[in-house]
Amino acid sequence: MKRDQYIPHEVSMRNTTEVMNLIEKEGMSGYGIYWALMEYLRVQDGYVGDLRALTSLKRQLKIRQPKLDKVLYGFGLFICNGNTFYSPKLNEVMKPFEDRRARIEAYKRNKEKGNSQETSGISNEKSDIVSFEVKGKGEGKGKGETTSTKEEKGGDDAVAVVPVSVPTTLVWERYVDELQQEQQWIEVMAMRSGLGLVFVNRFSEVLRLFKLHVQAVGNEKDIQSPGDAKRYFCFFNTPGSATFRKLVEELQKPIDKGKFRFEDRDPTTGQRSYCGVPIPSDAPPRPNEQAVWCDGKWVY
């Protein structure tokens, strides 16, 4: 189970005073809205949600604003401050999980630090080997003189020692790539952006543009964990921001269809078709403008 798709659910949850009042007055539909809000908060940074972002959730759940407001404000289940809200109960049940995750992240950081030191040790060892080999070539030029000494004196046989570098892993990119595994979080980001299925279906392209942005501004060092990647992406994906406008501009550019140039594709559903006729998803590309799909193959 992905770590952003889990909420500890106590079997006695319905027996708390607040939830009992909710069910009594709003029925199980109110209880369903309560859990939809809990699921939304679960994938937010710090489990704090934006009240302004609930428009998309309301539309998705097909509920009216008065009903949503009753659940939000009427039973003490959520704390609302300005444009944000959170659930004290969610924070309570997630605390053990957060403690475990903090220990895991600390372990990973220590391990990466150890690997970095190990790599540095290997690099130094290789540099020592190169220095030793060069010194060996310089032996006989003068007792007690090393290659670097001869170089400083301008000797004809001086050889520069070239240090050996070992490339380091781009950890921040790995954290960004891991976002592709967070399907529920991706859907929330899609709702937040207002781009819907276009955002979801082209999320790999969205991540590519996000990486280019991070590199362009030189903020790779700011992404030191999966949480950092999410927080940075949220700013990148904020409607109305310069980065968001650029993202929309890039996604609206015509797509090079390549081998699918003789077909049409619905940008929201991904459904392939030609002249209004649907094409099976596993069908090979339409070979030309005259081809017709018949009996499981293209006929022309």
C-alpha atoms as a PDB file:
ATOM      1  CA  MET A   1       0.000   0.000   0.000  1.00  0.00           C
ATOM      2  CA  LYS A   2       1.357   3.404  -0.927  1.00  0.00           C
ATOM      3  CA  ARG A   3       2.085   5.535   2.075  1.00  0.00           C
ATOM      4  CA  ASP A   4      -0.241   8.382   1.033  1.00  0.00           C
ATOM      5  CA  GLN A   5      -3.198   6.018   0.614  1.00  0.00           C
ATOM      6  CA  TYR A   6      -3.569   4.922   4.206  1.00  0.00           C
ATOM      7  CA  ILE A   7      -5.557   6.264   7.153  1.00  0.00           C
ATOM      8  CA  PRO A   8      -5.847   4.286  10.414  1.00  0.00           C
ATOM      9  CA  HIS A   9      -9.597   3.799  10.827  1.00  0.00           C
ATOM     10  CA  GLU A  10     -10.798   2.984  14.314  1.00  0.00           C
ATOM     11  CA  VAL A  11     -13.818   0.649  14.308  1.00  0.00           C
ATOM     12  CA  SER A  12     -15.373   2.746  17.079  1.00  0.00           C
ATOM     13  CA  MET A  13     -15.199   5.951  15.030  1.00  0.00           C
ATOM     14  CA  ARG A  14     -18.980   6.050  14.558  1.00  0.00           C
ATOM     15  CA  ASN A  15     -19.504   5.946  18.310  1.00  0.00           C
ATOM     16  CA  THR A  16     -17.862   9.298  19.049  1.00  0.00           C
ATOM     17  CA  THR A  17     -20.237  12.063  20.056  1.00  0.00           C
ATOM     18  CA  GLU A  18     -19.435  14.312  17.091  1.00  0.00           C
ATOM     19  CA  VAL A  19     -19.857  11.581  14.487  1.00  0.00           C
ATOM     20  CA  MET A  20     -23.051  10.263  16.107  1.00  0.00           C
ATOM     21  CA  ASN A  21     -24.547  13.767  15.889  1.00  0.00           C
ATOM     22  CA  LEU A  22     -23.431  14.000  12.262  1.00  0.00           C
ATOM     23  CA  ILE A  23     -25.115  10.723  11.303  1.00  0.00           C
ATOM     24  CA  GLU A  24     -28.259  11.573  13.244  1.00  0.00           C
ATOM     25  CA  LYS A  25     -28.739  14.904  11.469  1.00  0.00           C
ATOM     26  CA  GLU A  26     -27.184  14.291   8.031  1.00  0.00           C
ATOM     27  CA  GLY A  27     -27.435  10.518   7.678  1.00  0.00           C
ATOM     28  CA  MET A  28     -24.827   8.303   6.074  1.00  0.00           C
ATOM     29  CA  SER A  29     -24.432  10.813   3.245  1.00  0.00           C
ATOM     30  CA  GLY A  30     -22.989  13.234   5.790  1.00  0.00           C
ATOM     31  CA  TYR A  31     -20.722  10.479   7.100  1.00  0.00           C
ATOM     32  CA  GLY A  32     -19.562   9.828   3.542  1.00  0.00           C
ATOM     33  CA  ILE A  33     -18.760  13.526   3.036  1.00  0.00           C
ATOM     34  CA  TYR A  34     -16.826  13.484   6.326  1.00  0.00           C
ATOM     35  CA  TRP A  35     -14.602  10.659   5.116  1.00  0.00           C
ATOM     36  CA  ALA A  36     -14.160  12.241   1.688  1.00  0.00           C
ATOM     37  CA  LEU A  37     -12.809  15.331   3.463  1.00  0.00           C
ATOM     38  CA  MET A  38     -10.566  13.156   5.639  1.00  0.00           C
ATOM     39  CA  GLU A  39      -9.171  11.477   2.505  1.00  0.00           C
ATOM     40  CA  TYR A  40      -8.554  14.878   0.952  1.00  0.00           C
ATOM     41  CA  LEU A  41      -6.706  16.103   4.049  1.00  0.00           C
ATOM     42  CA  ARG A  42      -4.645  12.920   4.189  1.00  0.00           C
ATOM     43  CA  VAL A  43      -2.741  13.810   1.003  1.00  0.00           C
ATOM     44  CA  GLN A  44      -2.157  17.465   1.933  1.00  0.00           C
ATOM     45  CA  ASP A  45       1.102  18.723   3.410  1.00  0.00           C
ATOM     46  CA  GLY A  46       0.772  18.743   7.183  1.00  0.00           C
ATOM     47  CA  TYR A  47      -2.800  17.407   6.731  1.00  0.00           C
ATOM     48  CA  VAL A  48      -4.017  20.993   6.256  1.00  0.00           C
ATOM     49  CA  GLY A  49      -6.429  21.652   3.399  1.00  0.00           C
ATOM     50  CA  ASP A  50      -7.386  24.711   1.387  1.00  0.00           C
ATOM     51  CA  LEU A  51     -11.106  25.520   1.622  1.00  0.00           C
ATOM     52  CA  ARG A  52     -10.923  27.180  -1.797  1.00  0.00           C
ATOM     53  CA  ALA A  53      -9.820  23.899  -3.360  1.00  0.00           C
ATOM     54  CA  LEU A  54     -13.009  22.116  -2.272  1.00  0.00           C
ATOM     55  CA  THR A  55     -14.924  23.390  -5.293  1.00  0.00           C
ATOM     56  CA  SER A  56     -13.533  20.559  -7.396  1.00  0.00           C
ATOM     57  CA  LEU A  57     -14.173  18.005  -4.641  1.00  0.00           C
ATOM     58  CA  LYS A  58     -17.738  19.228  -4.274  1.00  0.00           C
ATOM     59  CA  ARG A  59     -18.269  18.860  -8.006  1.00  0.00           C
ATOM     60  CA  GLN A  60     -16.731  15.388  -7.977  1.00  0.00           C
ATOM     61  CA  LEU A  61     -18.921  14.222  -5.069  1.00  0.00           C
ATOM     62  CA  LYS A  62     -22.025  15.858  -6.563  1.00  0.00           C
ATOM     63  CA  ILE A  63     -22.982  17.647  -3.350  1.00  0.00           C
ATOM     64  CA  ARG A  64     -24.299  21.131  -2.698  1.00  0.00           C
ATOM     65  CA  GLN A  65     -22.444  23.812  -0.770  1.00  0.00           C
ATOM     66  CA  PRO A  66     -24.922  23.970   2.159  1.00  0.00           C
ATOM     67  CA  LYS A  67     -24.496  20.233   2.771  1.00  0.00           C
ATOM     68  CA  LEU A  68     -20.717  20.528   2.665  1.00  0.00           C
ATOM     69  CA  ASP A  69     -20.779  23.526   5.009  1.00  0.00           C
ATOM     70  CA  LYS A  70     -22.868  21.615   7.558  1.00  0.00           C
ATOM     71  CA  VAL A  71     -20.288  18.830   7.737  1.00  0.00           C
ATOM     72  CA  LEU A  72     -17.393  21.285   7.839  1.00  0.00           C
ATOM     73  CA  TYR A  73     -18.714  23.711  10.429  1.00  0.00           C
ATOM     74  CA  GLY A  74     -21.630  22.105  12.232  1.00  0.00           C
ATOM     75  CA  PHE A  75     -20.278  19.235  14.320  1.00  0.00           C
ATOM     76  CA  GLY A  76     -16.818  20.200  15.598  1.00  0.00           C
ATOM     77  CA  LEU A  77     -15.138  17.644  13.356  1.00  0.00           C
ATOM     78  CA  PHE A  78     -12.911  20.180  11.615  1.00  0.00           C
ATOM     79  CA  ILE A  79     -11.064  23.332  12.658  1.00  0.00           C
ATOM     80  CA  CYS A  80     -11.290  26.117  10.073  1.00  0.00           C
ATOM     81  CA  ASN A  81      -8.875  29.067  10.101  1.00  0.00           C
ATOM     82  CA  GLY A  82      -9.319  31.571   7.300  1.00  0.00           C
ATOM     83  CA  ASN A  83      -8.929  29.655   4.050  1.00  0.00           C
ATOM     84  CA  THR A  84      -7.545  26.493   5.635  1.00  0.00           C
ATOM     85  CA  PHE A  85      -8.952  23.629   7.677  1.00  0.00           C
ATOM     86  CA  TYR A  86      -7.772  20.489   9.399  1.00  0.00           C
ATOM     87  CA  SER A  87      -9.048  17.545  11.418  1.00  0.00           C
ATOM     88  CA  PRO A  88      -7.757  17.089  14.978  1.00  0.00           C
ATOM     89  CA  LYS A  89      -8.769  13.422  14.771  1.00  0.00           C
ATOM     90  CA  LEU A  90      -6.733  12.849  11.615  1.00  0.00           C
ATOM     91  CA  ASN A  91      -3.675  14.484  13.189  1.00  0.00           C
ATOM     92  CA  GLU A  92      -4.117  12.234  16.222  1.00  0.00           C
ATOM     93  CA  VAL A  93      -4.362   8.929  14.354  1.00  0.00           C
ATOM     94  CA  MET A  94      -1.550   9.870  11.945  1.00  0.00           C
ATOM     95  CA  LYS A  95       0.966  10.810  14.652  1.00  0.00           C
ATOM     96  CA  PRO A  96       2.333   7.250  15.118  1.00  0.00           C
ATOM     97  CA  PHE A  97       2.696   6.975  11.350  1.00  0.00           C
ATOM     98  CA  GLU A  98       4.539  10.292  11.155  1.00  0.00           C
ATOM     99  CA  ASP A  99       6.869   9.208  13.962  1.00  0.00           C
ATOM    100  CA  ARG A 100       7.714   6.010  12.078  1.00  0.00           C
ATOM    101  CA  ARG A 101       8.211   7.910   8.843  1.00  0.00           C
ATOM    102  CA  ALA A 102      10.533  10.400  10.582  1.00  0.00           C
ATOM    103  CA  ARG A 103      12.653   7.518  11.862  1.00  0.00           C
ATOM    104  CA  ILE A 104      12.787   5.989   8.382  1.00  0.00           C
ATOM    105  CA  GLU A 105      13.764   9.310   6.783  1.00  0.00           C
ATOM    106  CA  ALA A 106      16.467   9.793   9.402  1.00  0.00           C
ATOM    107  CA  TYR A 107      17.781   6.310   8.668  1.00  0.00           C
ATOM    108  CA  LYS A 108      17.829   7.042   4.921  1.00  0.00           C
ATOM    109  CA  ARG A 109      19.674  10.320   5.429  1.00  0.00           C
ATOM    110  CA  ASN A 110      22.277   8.636   7.606  1.00  0.00           C
ATOM    111  CA  LYS A 111      22.656   5.863   5.057  1.00  0.00           C
ATOM    112  CA  GLU A 112      23.048   8.333   2.182  1.00  0.00           C
ATOM    113  CA  LYS A 113      25.570  10.279   4.240  1.00  0.00           C
ATOM    114  CA  GLY A 114      27.466   7.078   4.871  1.00  0.00           C
ATOM    115  CA  ASN A 115      27.389   6.180   1.182  1.00  0.00           C
ATOM    116  CA  SER A 116      28.592   9.679   0.306  1.00  0.00           C
ATOM    117  CA  GLN A 117      31.521   9.355   2.698  1.00  0.00           C
ATOM    118  CA  GLU A 118      32.246   5.909   1.323  1.00  0.00           C
ATOM    119  CA  THR A 119      32.237   7.277  -2.233  1.00  0.00           C
ATOM    120  CA  SER A 120      34.512  10.117  -1.132  1.00  0.00           C
ATOM    121  CA  GLY A 121      36.876   7.576   0.346  1.00  0.00           C
ATOM    122  CA  ILE A 122      36.959   5.642  -2.917  1.00  0.00           C
ATOM    123  CA  SER A 123      37.630   8.870  -4.815  1.00  0.00           C
ATOM    124  CA  ASN A 124      40.519   9.763  -2.517  1.00  0.00           C
ATOM    125  CA  GLU A 125      41.900   6.253  -2.828  1.00  0.00           C
ATOM    126  CA  LYS A 126      41.864   6.509  -6.627  1.00  0.00           C
ATOM    127  CA  SER A 127      43.538   9.909  -6.472  1.00  0.00           C
ATOM    128  CA  ASP A 128      46.236   8.433  -4.265  1.00  0.00           C
ATOM    129  CA  ILE A 129      46.763   5.637  -6.777  1.00  0.00           C
ATOM    130  CA  VAL A 130      47.115   8.134  -9.628  1.00  0.00           C
ATOM    131  CA  SER A 131      49.553  10.233  -7.572  1.00  0.00           C
ATOM    132  CA  PHE A 132      51.569   7.149  -6.722  1.00  0.00           C
ATOM    133  CA  GLU A 133      51.758   6.063 -10.353  1.00  0.00           C
ATOM    134  CA  VAL A 134      52.872   9.521 -11.476  1.00  0.00           C
ATOM    135  CA  LYS A 135      55.422   9.724  -8.717  1.00  0.00           C
ATOM    136  CA  GLY A 136      56.770   6.390  -9.864  1.00  0.00           C
ATOM    137  CA  LYS A 137      57.275   7.814 -13.332  1.00  0.00           C
ATOM    138  CA  GLY A 138      59.155  10.739 -11.863  1.00  0.00           C
ATOM    139  CA  GLU A 139      61.547   8.635  -9.795  1.00  0.00           C
ATOM    140  CA  GLY A 140      65.192   9.078 -10.595  1.00  0.00           C
ATOM    141  CA  LYS A 141      64.800  12.769 -11.389  1.00  0.00           C
ATOM    142  CA  GLY A 142      66.204  13.726  -8.072  1.00  0.00           C
ATOM    143  CA  LYS A 143      66.373  12.203  -4.643  1.00  0.00           C
ATOM    144  CA  GLY A 144      63.403  13.163  -2.509  1.00  0.00           C
ATOM    145  CA  GLU A 145      61.702  15.109  -5.327  1.00  0.00           C
ATOM    146  CA  THR A 146      58.093  14.304  -6.172  1.00  0.00           C
ATOM    147  CA  THR A 147      56.371  15.040  -9.451  1.00  0.00           C
ATOM    148  CA  SER A 148      54.602  18.061  -7.997  1.00  0.00           C
ATOM    149  CA  THR A 149      57.990  19.424  -6.822  1.00  0.00           C
ATOM    150  CA  LYS A 150      59.465  19.059 -10.282  1.00  0.00           C
ATOM    151  CA  GLU A 151      56.407  20.783 -11.748  1.00  0.00           C
ATOM    152  CA  GLU A 152      56.774  23.721  -9.386  1.00  0.00           C
ATOM    153  CA  LYS A 153      60.410  24.025 -10.495  1.00  0.00           C
ATOM    154  CA  GLY A 154      59.368  23.923 -14.133  1.00  0.00           C
ATOM    155  CA  GLY A 155      61.070  20.586 -14.823  1.00  0.00           C
ATOM    156  CA  ASP A 156      60.693  19.232 -18.336  1.00  0.00           C
ATOM    157  CA  ASP A 157      59.381  15.895 -17.111  1.00  0.00           C
ATOM    158  CA  ALA A 158      56.769  17.385 -14.743  1.00  0.00           C
ATOM    159  CA  VAL A 159      53.421  15.623 -14.919  1.00  0.00           C
ATOM    160  CA  ALA A 160      50.211  17.155 -13.537  1.00  0.00           C
ATOM    161  CA  VAL A 161      48.285  14.934 -11.148  1.00  0.00           C
ATOM    162  CA  VAL A 162      44.645  14.691 -12.303  1.00  0.00           C
ATOM    163  CA  PRO A 163      42.193  13.878  -9.494  1.00  0.00           C
ATOM    164  CA  VAL A 164      39.645  11.161 -10.202  1.00  0.00           C
ATOM    165  CA  SER A 165      36.039  12.206  -9.594  1.00  0.00           C
ATOM    166  CA  VAL A 166      33.134   9.857  -8.978  1.00  0.00           C
ATOM    167  CA  PRO A 167      29.698  11.095 -10.170  1.00  0.00           C
ATOM    168  CA  THR A 168      27.099  11.465  -7.456  1.00  0.00           C
ATOM    169  CA  THR A 169      23.493  10.296  -7.696  1.00  0.00           C
ATOM    170  CA  LEU A 170      20.893  13.018  -8.239  1.00  0.00           C
ATOM    171  CA  VAL A 171      18.788  12.149  -5.199  1.00  0.00           C
ATOM    172  CA  TRP A 172      16.355  15.019  -5.749  1.00  0.00           C
ATOM    173  CA  GLU A 173      15.330  13.607  -9.142  1.00  0.00           C
ATOM    174  CA  ARG A 174      14.584  10.261  -7.550  1.00  0.00           C
ATOM    175  CA  TYR A 175      12.238  11.958  -5.067  1.00  0.00           C
ATOM    176  CA  VAL A 176      10.493  13.765  -7.931  1.00  0.00           C
ATOM    177  CA  ASP A 177      10.155  10.546  -9.958  1.00  0.00           C
ATOM    178  CA  GLU A 178       8.516   8.846  -6.970  1.00  0.00           C
ATOM    179  CA  LEU A 179       5.584  11.266  -7.316  1.00  0.00           C
ATOM    180  CA  GLN A 180       4.408   9.224 -10.302  1.00  0.00           C
ATOM    181  CA  GLN A 181       3.518   6.412  -7.887  1.00  0.00           C
ATOM    182  CA  GLU A 182       1.193   8.601  -5.804  1.00  0.00           C
ATOM    183  CA  GLN A 183      -1.990   8.180  -7.866  1.00  0.00           C
ATOM    184  CA  GLN A 184      -4.392   9.649  -5.320  1.00  0.00           C
ATOM    185  CA  TRP A 185      -2.100  12.643  -4.776  1.00  0.00           C
ATOM    186  CA  ILE A 186      -1.856  13.136  -8.553  1.00  0.00           C
ATOM    187  CA  GLU A 187      -5.653  13.260  -8.805  1.00  0.00           C
ATOM    188  CA  VAL A 188      -5.818  15.850  -6.015  1.00  0.00           C
ATOM    189  CA  MET A 189      -3.188  17.953  -7.812  1.00  0.00           C
ATOM    190  CA  ALA A 190      -5.218  17.603 -11.024  1.00  0.00           C
ATOM    191  CA  MET A 191      -8.322  18.936  -9.245  1.00  0.00           C
ATOM    192  CA  ARG A 192      -6.291  21.749  -7.729  1.00  0.00           C
ATOM    193  CA  SER A 193      -4.972  22.757 -11.140  1.00  0.00           C
ATOM    194  CA  GLY A 194      -8.381  22.606 -12.817  1.00  0.00           C
ATOM    195  CA  LEU A 195      -6.844  20.685 -15.728  1.00  0.00           C
ATOM    196  CA  GLY A 196      -8.551  17.409 -14.825  1.00  0.00           C
ATOM    197  CA  LEU A 197      -7.727  14.346 -16.914  1.00  0.00           C
ATOM    198  CA  VAL A 198      -5.341  16.288 -19.140  1.00  0.00           C
ATOM    199  CA  PHE A 199      -3.138  16.734 -16.070  1.00  0.00           C
ATOM    200  CA  VAL A 200      -3.471  13.064 -15.044  1.00  0.00           C
ATOM    201  CA  ASN A 201      -2.919  11.590 -18.518  1.00  0.00           C
ATOM    202  CA  ARG A 202       0.135  13.760 -19.162  1.00  0.00           C
ATOM    203  CA  PHE A 203       1.606  13.731 -15.676  1.00  0.00           C
ATOM    204  CA  SER A 204       4.945  12.373 -16.904  1.00  0.00           C
ATOM    205  CA  GLU A 205       5.219  15.471 -19.138  1.00  0.00           C
ATOM    206  CA  VAL A 206       4.203  17.684 -16.202  1.00  0.00           C
ATOM    207  CA  LEU A 207       6.995  16.163 -14.088  1.00  0.00           C
ATOM    208  CA  ARG A 208       9.497  16.706 -16.911  1.00  0.00           C
ATOM    209  CA  LEU A 209       8.594  20.408 -16.993  1.00  0.00           C
ATOM    210  CA  PHE A 210       8.807  20.563 -13.200  1.00  0.00           C
ATOM    211  CA  LYS A 211      12.342  19.125 -13.263  1.00  0.00           C
ATOM    212  CA  LEU A 212      13.395  21.667 -15.885  1.00  0.00           C
ATOM    213  CA  HIS A 213      12.064  24.449 -13.671  1.00  0.00           C
ATOM    214  CA  VAL A 214      13.935  23.166 -10.596  1.00  0.00           C
ATOM    215  CA  GLN A 215      17.177  22.990 -12.580  1.00  0.00           C
ATOM    216  CA  ALA A 216      16.623  26.391 -14.217  1.00  0.00           C
ATOM    217  CA  VAL A 217      16.343  28.192 -10.875  1.00  0.00           C
ATOM    218  CA  GLY A 218      19.014  26.030  -9.222  1.00  0.00           C
ATOM    219  CA  ASN A 219      16.835  24.778  -6.370  1.00  0.00           C
ATOM    220  CA  GLU A 220      17.828  21.114  -6.491  1.00  0.00           C
ATOM    221  CA  LYS A 221      19.200  21.383  -2.932  1.00  0.00           C
ATOM    222  CA  ASP A 222      15.718  22.294  -1.656  1.00  0.00           C
ATOM    223  CA  ILE A 223      14.399  18.794  -2.429  1.00  0.00           C
ATOM    224  CA  GLN A 224      15.855  16.542   0.241  1.00  0.00           C
ATOM    225  CA  SER A 225      12.862  14.220   0.788  1.00  0.00           C
ATOM    226  CA  PRO A 226       9.583  13.090  -0.864  1.00  0.00           C
ATOM    227  CA  GLY A 227       7.777  15.691   1.272  1.00  0.00           C
ATOM    228  CA  ASP A 228      10.026  18.436  -0.077  1.00  0.00           C
ATOM    229  CA  ALA A 229       9.249  17.310  -3.634  1.00  0.00           C
ATOM    230  CA  LYS A 230       5.511  17.511  -2.943  1.00  0.00           C
ATOM    231  CA  ARG A 231       5.690  20.917  -1.290  1.00  0.00           C
ATOM    232  CA  TYR A 232       7.783  22.389  -4.094  1.00  0.00           C
ATOM    233  CA  PHE A 233       5.471  20.889  -6.707  1.00  0.00           C
ATOM    234  CA  CYS A 234       2.431  22.440  -4.959  1.00  0.00           C
ATOM    235  CA  PHE A 235       3.983  25.905  -5.389  1.00  0.00           C
ATOM    236  CA  PHE A 236       4.849  25.052  -8.999  1.00  0.00           C
ATOM    237  CA  ASN A 237       1.237  23.945  -9.597  1.00  0.00           C
ATOM    238  CA  THR A 238      -0.457  26.946  -7.947  1.00  0.00           C
ATOM    239  CA  PRO A 239      -3.117  28.364 -10.316  1.00  0.00           C
ATOM    240  CA  GLY A 240      -2.307  31.929 -11.351  1.00  0.00           C
ATOM    241  CA  SER A 241       1.418  31.646 -10.699  1.00  0.00           C
ATOM    242  CA  ALA A 242       3.996  32.221 -13.426  1.00  0.00           C
ATOM    243  CA  THR A 243       5.088  28.574 -13.311  1.00  0.00           C
ATOM    244  CA  PHE A 244       1.495  27.383 -13.639  1.00  0.00           C
ATOM    245  CA  ARG A 245       0.838  29.651 -16.623  1.00  0.00           C
ATOM    246  CA  LYS A 246       3.948  28.272 -18.304  1.00  0.00           C
ATOM    247  CA  LEU A 247       2.801  24.716 -17.552  1.00  0.00           C
ATOM    248  CA  VAL A 248      -0.610  25.322 -19.125  1.00  0.00           C
ATOM    249  CA  GLU A 249       1.046  26.946 -22.138  1.00  0.00           C
ATOM    250  CA  GLU A 250       3.256  23.885 -22.671  1.00  0.00           C
ATOM    251  CA  LEU A 251       0.387  21.408 -22.251  1.00  0.00           C
ATOM    252  CA  GLN A 252      -1.711  23.312 -24.783  1.00  0.00           C
ATOM    253  CA  LYS A 253       0.911  23.024 -27.493  1.00  0.00           C
ATOM    254  CA  PRO A 254       0.014  20.598 -30.322  1.00  0.00           C
ATOM    255  CA  ILE A 255       1.296  17.069 -29.710  1.00  0.00           C
ATOM    256  CA  ASP A 256       3.426  15.427 -32.376  1.00  0.00           C
ATOM    257  CA  LYS A 257       1.340  12.347 -33.110  1.00  0.00           C
ATOM    258  CA  GLY A 258       4.132  10.557 -34.938  1.00  0.00           C
ATOM    259  CA  LYS A 259       2.932   7.106 -35.942  1.00  0.00           C
ATOM    260  CA  PHE A 260      -0.606   8.014 -34.784  1.00  0.00           C
ATOM    261  CA  ARG A 261      -0.869  10.963 -37.187  1.00  0.00           C
ATOM    262  CA  PHE A 262      -3.789   9.357 -39.079  1.00  0.00           C
ATOM    263  CA  GLU A 263      -5.923   9.144 -35.943  1.00  0.00           C
ATOM    264  CA  ASP A 264      -7.702  11.436 -33.506  1.00  0.00           C
ATOM    265  CA  ARG A 265      -7.277  11.194 -29.747  1.00  0.00           C
ATOM    266  CA  ASP A 266      -9.571  12.588 -27.071  1.00  0.00           C
ATOM    267  CA  PRO A 267      -7.283  14.704 -24.801  1.00  0.00           C
ATOM    268  CA  THR A 268      -9.360  13.940 -21.701  1.00  0.00           C
ATOM    269  CA  THR A 269     -10.121  10.217 -22.074  1.00  0.00           C
ATOM    270  CA  GLY A 270      -7.295   9.143 -24.380  1.00  0.00           C
ATOM    271  CA  GLN A 271      -9.800   7.369 -26.668  1.00  0.00           C
ATOM    272  CA  ARG A 272      -8.431   6.808 -30.183  1.00  0.00           C
ATOM    273  CA  SER A 273     -10.702   7.215 -33.200  1.00  0.00           C
ATOM    274  CA  TYR A 274     -10.862   8.026 -36.920  1.00  0.00           C
ATOM    275  CA  CYS A 275     -13.748   9.827 -38.615  1.00  0.00           C
ATOM    276  CA  GLY A 276     -15.692   9.431 -35.372  1.00  0.00           C
ATOM    277  CA  VAL A 277     -15.177   5.648 -35.264  1.00  0.00           C
ATOM    278  CA  PRO A 278     -13.570   4.364 -32.016  1.00  0.00           C
ATOM    279  CA  ILE A 279     -10.288   2.428 -32.272  1.00  0.00           C
ATOM    280  CA  PRO A 280      -9.477  -0.345 -29.751  1.00  0.00           C
ATOM    281  CA  SER A 281      -6.712   0.722 -27.364  1.00  0.00           C
ATOM    282  CA  ASP A 282      -4.563  -2.289 -28.312  1.00  0.00           C
ATOM    283  CA  ALA A 283      -4.921  -1.769 -32.075  1.00  0.00           C
ATOM    284  CA  PRO A 284      -1.781  -0.902 -34.052  1.00  0.00           C
ATOM    285  CA  PRO A 285      -1.529   2.663 -35.413  1.00  0.00           C
ATOM    286  CA  ARG A 286      -3.753   3.467 -38.368  1.00  0.00           C
ATOM    287  CA  PRO A 287      -1.401   3.093 -41.362  1.00  0.00           C
ATOM    288  CA  ASN A 288      -2.962   5.693 -43.688  1.00  0.00           C
ATOM    289  CA  GLU A 289      -6.024   7.879 -44.269  1.00  0.00           C
ATOM    290  CA  GLN A 290      -7.852   5.155 -46.216  1.00  0.00           C
ATOM    291  CA  ALA A 291      -7.496   2.401 -43.603  1.00  0.00           C
ATOM    292  CA  VAL A 292     -10.648   1.022 -41.928  1.00  0.00           C
ATOM    293  CA  TRP A 293     -10.689  -1.119 -38.776  1.00  0.00           C
ATOM    294  CA  CYS A 294     -12.490  -4.372 -39.595  1.00  0.00           C
ATOM    295  CA  ASP A 295     -12.433  -7.845 -37.981  1.00  0.00           C
ATOM    296  CA  GLY A 296      -9.530  -7.004 -35.695  1.00  0.00           C
ATOM    297  CA  LYS A 297      -7.236  -5.517 -38.340  1.00  0.00           C
ATOM    298  CA  TRP A 298      -6.730  -2.509 -40.618  1.00  0.00           C
ATOM    299  CA  VAL A 299      -8.167  -2.964 -44.097  1.00  0.00           C
ATOM    300  CA  TYR A 300      -7.328  -0.612 -46.986  1.00  0.00           C
END
